[in-house]
Amino acid sequence: MSTIGYENWAVDLADVAAVYPFQGWEIPMTIVGVIFWLAWHRIQFVREGEHLEKARRMGEAEKIRQTIDRY
């Protein structure tokens, strides 16, 4: 069964149309992927920074210092 009309792939692929989807979009898709990757790292950096700042402000600072100094 063939969905594109070829029963045998033993042909010159230069004569065949698109072999895979989005052919010709490799560079734009790579650029989009790199931008997404960098944006994801930036978002994670900001969110983790906010979380760490919140954790740093948690509790009573003087009581924490006394406990640390005690040990």
Protein backbone atom coordinates (compact mmCIF):
# COMPACT_ATOMS: atom_id res chain seq x y z
CA MET A 1 0.00 0.00 0.00
CA SER A 2 1.37 3.40 -0.94
CA THR A 3 -0.08 6.76 -0.05
CA ILE A 4 1.98 8.72 -2.58
CA GLY A 5 1.76 6.47 -5.62
CA TYR A 6 5.18 4.77 -5.39
CA GLU A 7 5.19 1.02 -5.07
CA ASN A 8 8.99 0.84 -5.08
CA TRP A 9 11.44 3.34 -3.56
CA ALA A 10 14.31 2.13 -5.74
CA VAL A 11 14.13 5.33 -7.82
CA ASP A 12 16.24 8.45 -8.05
CA LEU A 13 15.06 10.62 -5.14
CA ALA A 14 15.77 13.74 -7.21
CA ASP A 15 12.73 12.77 -9.28
CA VAL A 16 10.58 12.32 -6.18
CA ALA A 17 8.82 15.31 -4.67
CA ALA A 18 9.08 16.04 -0.93
CA VAL A 19 10.33 13.02 1.01
CA TYR A 20 9.56 14.50 4.44
CA PRO A 21 7.23 17.26 5.64
CA PHE A 22 8.30 20.93 5.83
CA GLN A 23 11.10 20.38 3.36
CA GLY A 24 13.05 23.61 2.93
CA TRP A 25 12.16 24.89 6.42
CA GLU A 26 15.21 23.42 8.18
CA ILE A 27 17.04 26.72 8.81
CA PRO A 28 13.99 28.74 9.94
CA MET A 29 12.90 25.89 12.22
CA THR A 30 16.43 25.68 13.68
CA ILE A 31 16.40 29.42 14.35
CA VAL A 32 12.98 29.15 16.01
CA GLY A 33 14.24 26.22 18.09
CA VAL A 34 17.32 28.11 19.28
CA ILE A 35 15.24 31.19 20.16
CA PHE A 36 12.78 28.99 22.08
CA TRP A 37 15.67 27.28 23.88
CA LEU A 38 17.27 30.60 24.92
CA ALA A 39 13.90 32.07 25.97
CA TRP A 40 13.14 28.99 28.07
CA HIS A 41 16.48 29.31 29.87
CA ARG A 42 15.85 33.02 30.50
CA ILE A 43 12.37 32.33 31.90
CA GLN A 44 13.74 29.57 34.14
CA PHE A 45 16.56 31.84 35.36
CA VAL A 46 14.11 34.60 36.33
CA ARG A 47 11.59 32.26 37.98
CA GLU A 48 14.25 30.41 39.97
CA GLY A 49 15.76 33.74 41.03
CA GLU A 50 12.37 34.88 42.33
CA HIS A 51 11.92 31.59 44.16
CA LEU A 52 15.36 31.81 45.79
CA GLU A 53 14.76 35.44 46.79
CA LYS A 54 11.45 34.44 48.38
CA ALA A 55 13.16 31.60 50.24
CA ARG A 56 15.89 33.98 51.41
CA ARG A 57 13.32 36.39 52.88
CA MET A 58 11.44 33.60 54.63
CA GLY A 59 11.72 33.40 58.41
CA GLU A 60 13.12 35.76 61.01
CA ALA A 61 16.61 36.90 60.03
CA GLU A 62 17.87 37.52 63.57
CA LYS A 63 16.66 34.16 64.84
CA ILE A 64 18.31 32.40 61.90
CA ARG A 65 21.62 34.22 62.56
CA GLN A 66 21.53 33.23 66.24
CA THR A 67 20.87 29.60 65.34
CA ILE A 68 23.71 29.55 62.83
CA ASP A 69 26.10 31.26 65.25
CA ARG A 70 25.19 28.81 68.00
CA TYR A 71 26.45 25.91 65.88
